[in-house]
């Protein structure tokens, strides 16, 4: 077990929140290697950094009597790093020996990092450095210093943070925050409730505003999707609603002028959607065959899947953009999946919200 001297035992929950199984198990297993039975350590191992560093872990020796050691570098309290290491080593509890572990907390300067890795390099080839650094520059320095010193190195946080940045579509703060930091549970609860009920409200809004229904409410919408039938507005509106975005949809028809409410919408609140003619004809033919199979072809207008009508409707969409120069260019959904299209439009909504907030502040 890995614990701190003079500090509270880390919680498993803190480690789980980091996705503790992201640590390459094969690398740890290769590092442990083939060993013989050994005793448990009762003394801590310290690196030269001006003070004794806390560590207490199961240890053992190879056939030649040399210990294997893991140096865990943290830029905060180190509690999460210790809990993470503890849970990883549990996966190797059937081994005859586990490495001695030193947790080095509050490493926030390159000089400190260099000193720790230099000391680790002196331990030979039976040392593994594992870092839980959230600052990208510090993590890069740790990688370079370990490579220069020929020391095994695992970067735990960078892959996790990069994945979350992609998923959340925003950059990470890069600010260390220990597992011991207090979390305002009431604030978190309010945030979760706000997000959940915002999603529910957006879903209900979308259901009331399909196919041009209730245009008098469009001022409440975050986005109005405009385009011919079968270009994919509905699925995109549903995905956006899952993110709390209120979306209304409008099918275009050259013979029907668009509702006047469109002219009252602010910048960034309209998105024109198109699909190439051949693909749209195929999509409409599929829908037409389905309607015929259910004996409901009368629900579709005559010539619904004809190339001529499809061409006219697409040209009408482009004419709308020309008559509204403040609207963005039509988005071609032909080769975009629903997720990609949703991401593009979500960024458009966020940009519009940010601009509105700046204008209000001014």
Foldseek 3Di string as FASTA:
>chain_A
DKAWPPDDAFDLVLLVVLVLVVFPLVVQDVLVPAAAAAAADDDADAAPDPDRFTIGDWWGAHPVRATAEEEEEEQAPQNNVRSSVVVSCVVVVVHNTDGTYTYHYNPDDLVSLLRRLVRQLVSPARYEYEYAQLAPVSLVSNVVSCVVSVHHYHYRHPVSQVVVCVVVVHHDPRDDDDPPDDDPVVVVVVVVVVQVVLLVVQVVLAVQAEARHPLVCLQVFLAEEEAAPPLPPVLLSNVLSNRSGRYHYHHDAPVDDRDPSVVVHDFLRYAYADEDLVVSLVRQVVVCVVCVVVVRNVVADPPNSPSVRNVVRVVVSQVVCVVVVSHDDHDHCHPPDSVRVNVVSVVSSVVVVVVVVVVVVD
